[in-house]
Amino acid sequence: MSQAFVALQSFLLKSSGLALDREKQYLAEARLAPLIQQSGLANLGELIARIESDRGLAKKVTEAMTVNETFFFRDRHPFDGFRHAILPDLLKSRGATRRMRIWSAACSTGQEPYSLAMILDEEARRLMGWSVDIVASDISESVLKRAREGHYTHFEVQRGMPTPHLVRYFSKRKDQWSVNESIRARVDFRQQNLMRDFSHLGQFDIIYCRNVLIYFAPEQKRDVLHRLARCLAPDGYLVLGAAESVIGYSTEFKPHPEYRVVLVRHAASAMTPLRSVM
């Protein structure tokens, strides 16, 4: 393992929480090769030396190493849980304020928050008179640009998108499908590194943080989960990816009885019982 790769591991852990295994050296070099060439550098060692004084280049390195795999209604269960368990519970508990806030953390190119926005549109009758905010964030400015534009290839809309949703919420433009303005307007996209303070985003009733923590080192994972809990309402919901768990990293959440990927803040147990959905 080269010294340059060791330095890259240290940089990524500090800048983004990404824990890069030694077996990933070849992958890292392959991902960074275009950036090395564009910057007029000879190798990974020169790139690492340069990012110490070039913040713009350091940001590009972090973005190049970030995993941006996503698709509409990915894994279904987090969205079924939202429609059939989370939303009904919050419609009851937030009846006085008629306000709800959702955060899609590490949203990549926007498929997750747009999927949530489509569900909210389908539930519009139940949400009449309600204010529902969707904040979507990612560390990468380049993927956020794509998310804000809302343009997707035929392959991207085929992955997980039910045909009725495609017909109702998208317009065909040449070789791309574009999210309708009514759906795009529901989502507020912001740049946010989860390793940095995100308390300024405010408190949320639901946080989707899926398929992100699986790449973090244990200490970074504990820290992020602790800060996510601080930004979540006492009876709020945290939704993780199918391969993720808080076991061994946080005691601030408990599993929902019906949806494994849905977690509830422990504070909720002292307030209202969880609603079981059959």
C-alpha atoms as a PDB file:
ATOM      1  CA  MET A   1       0.000   0.000   0.000  1.00  0.00           C
ATOM      2  CA  SER A   2       1.568   3.271  -1.142  1.00  0.00           C
ATOM      3  CA  GLN A   3       2.117   6.293   1.087  1.00  0.00           C
ATOM      4  CA  ALA A   4      -0.048   8.335  -1.275  1.00  0.00           C
ATOM      5  CA  PHE A   5      -2.981   5.969  -0.767  1.00  0.00           C
ATOM      6  CA  VAL A   6      -2.533   6.078   3.025  1.00  0.00           C
ATOM      7  CA  ALA A   7      -2.631   9.871   2.824  1.00  0.00           C
ATOM      8  CA  LEU A   8      -5.768   9.655   0.661  1.00  0.00           C
ATOM      9  CA  GLN A   9      -7.428   7.392   3.250  1.00  0.00           C
ATOM     10  CA  SER A  10      -6.684   9.921   5.989  1.00  0.00           C
ATOM     11  CA  PHE A  11      -7.935  12.841   3.892  1.00  0.00           C
ATOM     12  CA  LEU A  12     -11.232  11.147   2.965  1.00  0.00           C
ATOM     13  CA  LEU A  13     -11.909  10.029   6.531  1.00  0.00           C
ATOM     14  CA  LYS A  14     -11.470  13.567   7.798  1.00  0.00           C
ATOM     15  CA  SER A  15     -13.231  15.375   4.963  1.00  0.00           C
ATOM     16  CA  SER A  16     -16.214  13.114   4.328  1.00  0.00           C
ATOM     17  CA  GLY A  17     -16.225  10.242   6.837  1.00  0.00           C
ATOM     18  CA  LEU A  18     -15.501   7.775   4.049  1.00  0.00           C
ATOM     19  CA  ALA A  19     -13.543   4.752   5.277  1.00  0.00           C
ATOM     20  CA  LEU A  20     -11.530   3.481   2.307  1.00  0.00           C
ATOM     21  CA  ASP A  21     -10.275  -0.096   2.658  1.00  0.00           C
ATOM     22  CA  ARG A  22      -6.754  -0.932   1.535  1.00  0.00           C
ATOM     23  CA  GLU A  23      -8.274  -3.256  -1.077  1.00  0.00           C
ATOM     24  CA  LYS A  24      -9.782  -0.178  -2.762  1.00  0.00           C
ATOM     25  CA  GLN A  25      -6.468   1.330  -3.835  1.00  0.00           C
ATOM     26  CA  TYR A  26      -6.925   0.295  -7.461  1.00  0.00           C
ATOM     27  CA  LEU A  27     -10.495   1.643  -7.476  1.00  0.00           C
ATOM     28  CA  ALA A  28      -9.361   4.937  -5.972  1.00  0.00           C
ATOM     29  CA  GLU A  29      -6.617   5.361  -8.544  1.00  0.00           C
ATOM     30  CA  ALA A  30      -9.056   4.580 -11.363  1.00  0.00           C
ATOM     31  CA  ARG A  31     -11.616   7.115 -10.117  1.00  0.00           C
ATOM     32  CA  LEU A  32      -9.032   9.817  -9.609  1.00  0.00           C
ATOM     33  CA  ALA A  33      -7.110   9.209 -12.860  1.00  0.00           C
ATOM     34  CA  PRO A  34      -9.215  11.693 -14.902  1.00  0.00           C
ATOM     35  CA  LEU A  35      -8.797  14.363 -12.215  1.00  0.00           C
ATOM     36  CA  ILE A  36      -5.038  13.748 -12.068  1.00  0.00           C
ATOM     37  CA  GLN A  37      -4.821  14.147 -15.828  1.00  0.00           C
ATOM     38  CA  GLN A  38      -7.030  17.257 -15.934  1.00  0.00           C
ATOM     39  CA  SER A  39      -4.897  18.870 -13.229  1.00  0.00           C
ATOM     40  CA  GLY A  40      -1.687  18.231 -15.159  1.00  0.00           C
ATOM     41  CA  LEU A  41      -0.282  16.011 -12.435  1.00  0.00           C
ATOM     42  CA  ALA A  42       1.768  12.854 -12.818  1.00  0.00           C
ATOM     43  CA  ASN A  43       0.309  10.540 -10.187  1.00  0.00           C
ATOM     44  CA  LEU A  44      -1.724  10.110  -7.007  1.00  0.00           C
ATOM     45  CA  GLY A  45       1.169  11.308  -4.858  1.00  0.00           C
ATOM     46  CA  GLU A  46       1.269  14.671  -6.628  1.00  0.00           C
ATOM     47  CA  LEU A  47      -2.523  14.980  -6.313  1.00  0.00           C
ATOM     48  CA  ILE A  48      -2.429  14.398  -2.558  1.00  0.00           C
ATOM     49  CA  ALA A  49       0.376  16.920  -2.162  1.00  0.00           C
ATOM     50  CA  ARG A  50      -1.603  19.517  -4.126  1.00  0.00           C
ATOM     51  CA  ILE A  51      -4.885  19.214  -2.214  1.00  0.00           C
ATOM     52  CA  GLU A  52      -3.190  20.390   0.978  1.00  0.00           C
ATOM     53  CA  SER A  53      -3.129  23.905  -0.472  1.00  0.00           C
ATOM     54  CA  ASP A  54      -5.872  23.749  -3.106  1.00  0.00           C
ATOM     55  CA  ARG A  55      -9.335  23.606  -1.526  1.00  0.00           C
ATOM     56  CA  GLY A  56     -11.069  23.472  -4.891  1.00  0.00           C
ATOM     57  CA  LEU A  57      -9.081  20.423  -5.921  1.00  0.00           C
ATOM     58  CA  ALA A  58      -9.646  18.822  -2.510  1.00  0.00           C
ATOM     59  CA  LYS A  59     -13.388  19.201  -3.020  1.00  0.00           C
ATOM     60  CA  LYS A  60     -13.157  17.544  -6.433  1.00  0.00           C
ATOM     61  CA  VAL A  61     -11.262  14.604  -4.925  1.00  0.00           C
ATOM     62  CA  THR A  62     -13.970  14.102  -2.305  1.00  0.00           C
ATOM     63  CA  GLU A  63     -16.717  14.278  -4.930  1.00  0.00           C
ATOM     64  CA  ALA A  64     -14.895  11.828  -7.214  1.00  0.00           C
ATOM     65  CA  MET A  65     -14.726   9.270  -4.404  1.00  0.00           C
ATOM     66  CA  THR A  66     -18.344   9.660  -3.305  1.00  0.00           C
ATOM     67  CA  VAL A  67     -20.760   6.873  -4.250  1.00  0.00           C
ATOM     68  CA  ASN A  68     -23.803   8.291  -6.085  1.00  0.00           C
ATOM     69  CA  GLU A  69     -25.825   5.145  -6.772  1.00  0.00           C
ATOM     70  CA  THR A  70     -29.558   5.825  -6.501  1.00  0.00           C
ATOM     71  CA  PHE A  71     -32.846   5.314  -8.282  1.00  0.00           C
ATOM     72  CA  PHE A  72     -36.537   6.149  -7.926  1.00  0.00           C
ATOM     73  CA  PHE A  73     -38.442   4.396  -5.120  1.00  0.00           C
ATOM     74  CA  ARG A  74     -35.296   2.449  -4.278  1.00  0.00           C
ATOM     75  CA  ASP A  75     -36.011  -0.726  -2.244  1.00  0.00           C
ATOM     76  CA  ARG A  76     -39.727   0.170  -1.954  1.00  0.00           C
ATOM     77  CA  HIS A  77     -39.942  -0.551   1.814  1.00  0.00           C
ATOM     78  CA  PRO A  78     -38.760   2.925   2.896  1.00  0.00           C
ATOM     79  CA  PHE A  79     -41.475   4.458   0.724  1.00  0.00           C
ATOM     80  CA  ASP A  80     -44.180   1.981   1.723  1.00  0.00           C
ATOM     81  CA  GLY A  81     -43.263   2.751   5.341  1.00  0.00           C
ATOM     82  CA  PHE A  82     -43.568   6.454   4.637  1.00  0.00           C
ATOM     83  CA  ARG A  83     -47.002   6.155   3.017  1.00  0.00           C
ATOM     84  CA  HIS A  84     -48.580   3.550   5.308  1.00  0.00           C
ATOM     85  CA  ALA A  85     -46.973   4.165   8.717  1.00  0.00           C
ATOM     86  CA  ILE A  86     -45.029   7.406   9.058  1.00  0.00           C
ATOM     87  CA  LEU A  87     -47.426   9.704   7.229  1.00  0.00           C
ATOM     88  CA  PRO A  88     -50.598   8.498   9.045  1.00  0.00           C
ATOM     89  CA  ASP A  89     -48.871   8.838  12.426  1.00  0.00           C
ATOM     90  CA  LEU A  90     -47.649  12.351  11.712  1.00  0.00           C
ATOM     91  CA  LEU A  91     -51.028  13.416  10.346  1.00  0.00           C
ATOM     92  CA  LYS A  92     -52.363  12.615  13.826  1.00  0.00           C
ATOM     93  CA  SER A  93     -49.541  13.953  15.967  1.00  0.00           C
ATOM     94  CA  ARG A  94     -48.998  17.142  13.919  1.00  0.00           C
ATOM     95  CA  GLY A  95     -52.674  17.959  13.553  1.00  0.00           C
ATOM     96  CA  ALA A  96     -52.365  21.105  15.666  1.00  0.00           C
ATOM     97  CA  THR A  97     -49.557  22.690  13.640  1.00  0.00           C
ATOM     98  CA  ARG A  98     -50.334  21.027  10.291  1.00  0.00           C
ATOM     99  CA  ARG A  99     -46.657  21.227   9.441  1.00  0.00           C
ATOM    100  CA  MET A 100     -44.143  18.539   8.542  1.00  0.00           C
ATOM    101  CA  ARG A 101     -40.457  18.645   7.627  1.00  0.00           C
ATOM    102  CA  ILE A 102     -38.537  15.931   5.770  1.00  0.00           C
ATOM    103  CA  TRP A 103     -34.801  15.730   5.134  1.00  0.00           C
ATOM    104  CA  SER A 104     -33.331  13.534   2.411  1.00  0.00           C
ATOM    105  CA  ALA A 105     -29.654  13.458   3.415  1.00  0.00           C
ATOM    106  CA  ALA A 106     -27.098  12.434   0.771  1.00  0.00           C
ATOM    107  CA  CYS A 107     -29.784  12.668  -1.911  1.00  0.00           C
ATOM    108  CA  SER A 108     -27.377  12.278  -4.854  1.00  0.00           C
ATOM    109  CA  THR A 109     -29.123  13.154  -8.145  1.00  0.00           C
ATOM    110  CA  GLY A 110     -32.510  13.634  -6.502  1.00  0.00           C
ATOM    111  CA  GLN A 111     -34.464  10.433  -7.103  1.00  0.00           C
ATOM    112  CA  GLU A 112     -35.203   9.874  -3.410  1.00  0.00           C
ATOM    113  CA  PRO A 113     -36.681  13.303  -2.559  1.00  0.00           C
ATOM    114  CA  TYR A 114     -38.609  13.372  -5.831  1.00  0.00           C
ATOM    115  CA  SER A 115     -40.055   9.948  -5.003  1.00  0.00           C
ATOM    116  CA  LEU A 116     -41.238  11.337  -1.655  1.00  0.00           C
ATOM    117  CA  ALA A 117     -42.663  14.399  -3.400  1.00  0.00           C
ATOM    118  CA  MET A 118     -44.697  12.164  -5.722  1.00  0.00           C
ATOM    119  CA  ILE A 119     -46.165  10.284  -2.756  1.00  0.00           C
ATOM    120  CA  LEU A 120     -47.093  13.579  -1.117  1.00  0.00           C
ATOM    121  CA  ASP A 121     -48.798  14.673  -4.311  1.00  0.00           C
ATOM    122  CA  GLU A 122     -50.781  11.434  -4.387  1.00  0.00           C
ATOM    123  CA  GLU A 123     -51.804  12.057  -0.773  1.00  0.00           C
ATOM    124  CA  ALA A 124     -52.744  15.685  -1.481  1.00  0.00           C
ATOM    125  CA  ARG A 125     -56.337  15.254  -0.328  1.00  0.00           C
ATOM    126  CA  ARG A 126     -55.222  14.133   3.129  1.00  0.00           C
ATOM    127  CA  LEU A 127     -52.684  16.952   3.284  1.00  0.00           C
ATOM    128  CA  MET A 128     -54.971  19.848   2.384  1.00  0.00           C
ATOM    129  CA  GLY A 129     -54.037  22.847   4.521  1.00  0.00           C
ATOM    130  CA  TRP A 130     -50.698  21.312   5.484  1.00  0.00           C
ATOM    131  CA  SER A 131     -47.218  22.750   4.981  1.00  0.00           C
ATOM    132  CA  VAL A 132     -44.757  19.981   4.075  1.00  0.00           C
ATOM    133  CA  ASP A 133     -41.113  20.875   3.468  1.00  0.00           C
ATOM    134  CA  ILE A 134     -38.629  18.556   1.775  1.00  0.00           C
ATOM    135  CA  VAL A 135     -34.975  19.496   2.208  1.00  0.00           C
ATOM    136  CA  ALA A 136     -32.557  17.406   0.147  1.00  0.00           C
ATOM    137  CA  SER A 137     -28.804  17.637   0.560  1.00  0.00           C
ATOM    138  CA  ASP A 138     -25.599  16.169  -0.781  1.00  0.00           C
ATOM    139  CA  ILE A 139     -21.890  16.788  -0.429  1.00  0.00           C
ATOM    140  CA  SER A 140     -21.435  17.054  -4.204  1.00  0.00           C
ATOM    141  CA  GLU A 141     -22.345  20.252  -6.039  1.00  0.00           C
ATOM    142  CA  SER A 142     -22.249  18.453  -9.388  1.00  0.00           C
ATOM    143  CA  VAL A 143     -24.911  15.906  -8.471  1.00  0.00           C
ATOM    144  CA  LEU A 144     -27.015  18.637  -6.833  1.00  0.00           C
ATOM    145  CA  LYS A 145     -26.956  20.547 -10.114  1.00  0.00           C
ATOM    146  CA  ARG A 146     -28.405  17.506 -11.851  1.00  0.00           C
ATOM    147  CA  ALA A 147     -30.955  17.039  -9.077  1.00  0.00           C
ATOM    148  CA  ARG A 148     -32.172  20.627  -9.323  1.00  0.00           C
ATOM    149  CA  GLU A 149     -32.532  20.354 -13.095  1.00  0.00           C
ATOM    150  CA  GLY A 150     -34.540  17.152 -12.740  1.00  0.00           C
ATOM    151  CA  HIS A 151     -33.530  15.629 -16.088  1.00  0.00           C
ATOM    152  CA  TYR A 152     -33.083  11.851 -16.293  1.00  0.00           C
ATOM    153  CA  THR A 153     -32.218   9.317 -18.968  1.00  0.00           C
ATOM    154  CA  HIS A 154     -34.596   6.591 -20.068  1.00  0.00           C
ATOM    155  CA  PHE A 155     -32.489   4.092 -18.128  1.00  0.00           C
ATOM    156  CA  GLU A 156     -32.729   6.172 -14.945  1.00  0.00           C
ATOM    157  CA  VAL A 157     -36.516   6.508 -15.036  1.00  0.00           C
ATOM    158  CA  GLN A 158     -36.915   2.807 -15.791  1.00  0.00           C
ATOM    159  CA  ARG A 159     -35.177   1.857 -12.536  1.00  0.00           C
ATOM    160  CA  GLY A 160     -37.925   1.562  -9.936  1.00  0.00           C
ATOM    161  CA  MET A 161     -40.334   4.031 -11.515  1.00  0.00           C
ATOM    162  CA  PRO A 162     -43.926   2.784 -11.855  1.00  0.00           C
ATOM    163  CA  THR A 163     -45.280   3.581 -15.317  1.00  0.00           C
ATOM    164  CA  PRO A 164     -48.246   5.623 -13.988  1.00  0.00           C
ATOM    165  CA  HIS A 165     -45.808   7.883 -12.128  1.00  0.00           C
ATOM    166  CA  LEU A 166     -43.710   8.393 -15.243  1.00  0.00           C
ATOM    167  CA  VAL A 167     -46.777   9.414 -17.242  1.00  0.00           C
ATOM    168  CA  ARG A 168     -48.139  11.682 -14.529  1.00  0.00           C
ATOM    169  CA  TYR A 169     -45.017  13.407 -13.225  1.00  0.00           C
ATOM    170  CA  PHE A 170     -42.594  13.560 -16.147  1.00  0.00           C
ATOM    171  CA  SER A 171     -42.360  15.148 -19.573  1.00  0.00           C
ATOM    172  CA  LYS A 172     -40.371  13.638 -22.452  1.00  0.00           C
ATOM    173  CA  ARG A 173     -37.816  16.018 -23.944  1.00  0.00           C
ATOM    174  CA  LYS A 174     -35.728  14.550 -26.741  1.00  0.00           C
ATOM    175  CA  ASP A 175     -33.777  11.703 -25.134  1.00  0.00           C
ATOM    176  CA  GLN A 176     -34.519  12.716 -21.539  1.00  0.00           C
ATOM    177  CA  TRP A 177     -37.385  12.689 -19.085  1.00  0.00           C
ATOM    178  CA  SER A 178     -37.884  15.837 -16.993  1.00  0.00           C
ATOM    179  CA  VAL A 179     -39.611  16.029 -13.623  1.00  0.00           C
ATOM    180  CA  ASN A 180     -42.638  18.297 -13.757  1.00  0.00           C
ATOM    181  CA  GLU A 181     -42.232  21.708 -12.171  1.00  0.00           C
ATOM    182  CA  SER A 182     -44.930  20.972  -9.583  1.00  0.00           C
ATOM    183  CA  ILE A 183     -42.755  18.168  -8.177  1.00  0.00           C
ATOM    184  CA  ARG A 184     -39.422  19.985  -8.514  1.00  0.00           C
ATOM    185  CA  ALA A 185     -40.843  22.966  -6.627  1.00  0.00           C
ATOM    186  CA  ARG A 186     -41.524  20.751  -3.602  1.00  0.00           C
ATOM    187  CA  VAL A 187     -37.820  20.050  -2.980  1.00  0.00           C
ATOM    188  CA  ASP A 188     -35.257  22.476  -1.576  1.00  0.00           C
ATOM    189  CA  PHE A 189     -31.784  21.232  -2.567  1.00  0.00           C
ATOM    190  CA  ARG A 190     -28.796  22.301  -0.462  1.00  0.00           C
ATOM    191  CA  GLN A 191     -25.111  21.429  -0.312  1.00  0.00           C
ATOM    192  CA  GLN A 192     -24.239  19.731   2.979  1.00  0.00           C
ATOM    193  CA  ASN A 193     -21.358  17.586   4.163  1.00  0.00           C
ATOM    194  CA  LEU A 194     -22.608  15.240   6.901  1.00  0.00           C
ATOM    195  CA  MET A 195     -19.222  15.512   8.594  1.00  0.00           C
ATOM    196  CA  ARG A 196     -19.886  19.215   9.141  1.00  0.00           C
ATOM    197  CA  ASP A 197     -22.433  20.852  11.443  1.00  0.00           C
ATOM    198  CA  PHE A 198     -25.944  20.590   9.980  1.00  0.00           C
ATOM    199  CA  SER A 199     -27.927  21.952  12.943  1.00  0.00           C
ATOM    200  CA  HIS A 200     -28.686  25.090  10.907  1.00  0.00           C
ATOM    201  CA  LEU A 201     -31.059  23.003   8.779  1.00  0.00           C
ATOM    202  CA  GLY A 202     -33.441  22.952  11.742  1.00  0.00           C
ATOM    203  CA  GLN A 203     -35.547  20.174  13.213  1.00  0.00           C
ATOM    204  CA  PHE A 204     -37.165  17.483  11.114  1.00  0.00           C
ATOM    205  CA  ASP A 205     -39.990  15.014  11.587  1.00  0.00           C
ATOM    206  CA  ILE A 206     -38.466  12.503   9.163  1.00  0.00           C
ATOM    207  CA  ILE A 207     -34.861  12.009   8.085  1.00  0.00           C
ATOM    208  CA  TYR A 208     -33.891   9.721   5.227  1.00  0.00           C
ATOM    209  CA  CYS A 209     -30.194   8.881   5.504  1.00  0.00           C
ATOM    210  CA  ARG A 210     -29.937   5.762   3.374  1.00  0.00           C
ATOM    211  CA  ASN A 211     -26.919   3.876   2.045  1.00  0.00           C
ATOM    212  CA  VAL A 212     -24.521   6.506   3.389  1.00  0.00           C
ATOM    213  CA  LEU A 213     -23.404   5.413   6.849  1.00  0.00           C
ATOM    214  CA  ILE A 214     -22.398   2.022   5.476  1.00  0.00           C
ATOM    215  CA  TYR A 215     -19.323   3.730   4.006  1.00  0.00           C
ATOM    216  CA  PHE A 216     -18.396   5.580   7.204  1.00  0.00           C
ATOM    217  CA  ALA A 217     -15.842   4.557   9.797  1.00  0.00           C
ATOM    218  CA  PRO A 218     -17.337   3.521  13.186  1.00  0.00           C
ATOM    219  CA  GLU A 219     -16.467   6.735  15.031  1.00  0.00           C
ATOM    220  CA  GLN A 220     -17.818   8.925  12.240  1.00  0.00           C
ATOM    221  CA  LYS A 221     -20.978   6.804  12.095  1.00  0.00           C
ATOM    222  CA  ARG A 222     -21.585   7.265  15.842  1.00  0.00           C
ATOM    223  CA  ASP A 223     -21.045  10.999  15.566  1.00  0.00           C
ATOM    224  CA  VAL A 224     -23.411  11.459  12.617  1.00  0.00           C
ATOM    225  CA  LEU A 225     -26.145   9.336  14.202  1.00  0.00           C
ATOM    226  CA  HIS A 226     -25.889  11.347  17.425  1.00  0.00           C
ATOM    227  CA  ARG A 227     -26.238  14.615  15.535  1.00  0.00           C
ATOM    228  CA  LEU A 228     -29.080  13.265  13.402  1.00  0.00           C
ATOM    229  CA  ALA A 229     -30.959  12.454  16.605  1.00  0.00           C
ATOM    230  CA  ARG A 230     -30.481  16.038  17.777  1.00  0.00           C
ATOM    231  CA  CYS A 231     -32.089  17.300  14.545  1.00  0.00           C
ATOM    232  CA  LEU A 232     -35.005  14.893  14.786  1.00  0.00           C
ATOM    233  CA  ALA A 233     -38.252  15.589  16.640  1.00  0.00           C
ATOM    234  CA  PRO A 234     -38.677  13.544  19.860  1.00  0.00           C
ATOM    235  CA  ASP A 235     -41.227  11.349  18.058  1.00  0.00           C
ATOM    236  CA  GLY A 236     -39.508  11.623  14.677  1.00  0.00           C
ATOM    237  CA  TYR A 237     -38.444   8.926  12.247  1.00  0.00           C
ATOM    238  CA  LEU A 238     -35.056   7.978  10.831  1.00  0.00           C
ATOM    239  CA  VAL A 239     -34.999   5.836   7.684  1.00  0.00           C
ATOM    240  CA  LEU A 240     -31.832   3.888   6.853  1.00  0.00           C
ATOM    241  CA  GLY A 241     -30.728   1.685   3.979  1.00  0.00           C
ATOM    242  CA  ALA A 242     -31.500  -2.035   3.858  1.00  0.00           C
ATOM    243  CA  ALA A 243     -27.931  -2.995   4.819  1.00  0.00           C
ATOM    244  CA  GLU A 244     -27.583  -0.418   7.599  1.00  0.00           C
ATOM    245  CA  SER A 245     -28.166  -0.634  11.344  1.00  0.00           C
ATOM    246  CA  VAL A 246     -27.634   1.514  14.434  1.00  0.00           C
ATOM    247  CA  ILE A 247     -26.744  -1.511  16.579  1.00  0.00           C
ATOM    248  CA  GLY A 248     -23.433  -0.827  18.274  1.00  0.00           C
ATOM    249  CA  TYR A 249     -23.446   2.791  17.135  1.00  0.00           C
ATOM    250  CA  SER A 250     -26.446   4.465  18.754  1.00  0.00           C
ATOM    251  CA  THR A 251     -28.999   3.819  21.493  1.00  0.00           C
ATOM    252  CA  GLU A 252     -31.154   6.796  20.531  1.00  0.00           C
ATOM    253  CA  PHE A 253     -33.430   4.919  18.137  1.00  0.00           C
ATOM    254  CA  LYS A 254     -35.733   1.913  18.245  1.00  0.00           C
ATOM    255  CA  PRO A 255     -37.005  -0.131  15.283  1.00  0.00           C
ATOM    256  CA  HIS A 256     -40.511   0.270  13.936  1.00  0.00           C
ATOM    257  CA  PRO A 257     -42.517  -2.938  14.520  1.00  0.00           C
ATOM    258  CA  GLU A 258     -43.435  -3.397  10.862  1.00  0.00           C
ATOM    259  CA  TYR A 259     -40.785  -1.678   8.729  1.00  0.00           C
ATOM    260  CA  ARG A 260     -37.240  -2.798   9.468  1.00  0.00           C
ATOM    261  CA  VAL A 261     -35.561   0.162   7.771  1.00  0.00           C
ATOM    262  CA  VAL A 262     -37.650   2.670   9.751  1.00  0.00           C
ATOM    263  CA  LEU A 263     -36.376   3.749  13.166  1.00  0.00           C
ATOM    264  CA  VAL A 264     -38.080   5.907  15.755  1.00  0.00           C
ATOM    265  CA  ARG A 265     -36.385   8.087  18.339  1.00  0.00           C
ATOM    266  CA  HIS A 266     -36.453   6.412  21.749  1.00  0.00           C
ATOM    267  CA  ALA A 267     -38.081   9.524  23.183  1.00  0.00           C
ATOM    268  CA  ALA A 268     -41.247   8.536  21.313  1.00  0.00           C
ATOM    269  CA  SER A 269     -41.835   5.530  23.579  1.00  0.00           C
ATOM    270  CA  ALA A 270     -42.541   7.864  26.490  1.00  0.00           C
ATOM    271  CA  MET A 271     -45.035   9.873  24.456  1.00  0.00           C
ATOM    272  CA  THR A 272     -47.201   7.724  22.200  1.00  0.00           C
ATOM    273  CA  PRO A 273     -47.182   4.038  21.271  1.00  0.00           C
ATOM    274  CA  LEU A 274     -45.984   3.106  17.806  1.00  0.00           C
ATOM    275  CA  ARG A 275     -48.712   2.441  15.302  1.00  0.00           C
ATOM    276  CA  SER A 276     -48.541  -1.111  13.979  1.00  0.00           C
ATOM    277  CA  VAL A 277     -49.436  -1.463  10.314  1.00  0.00           C
ATOM    278  CA  MET A 278     -50.694  -4.746   8.923  1.00  0.00           C
END
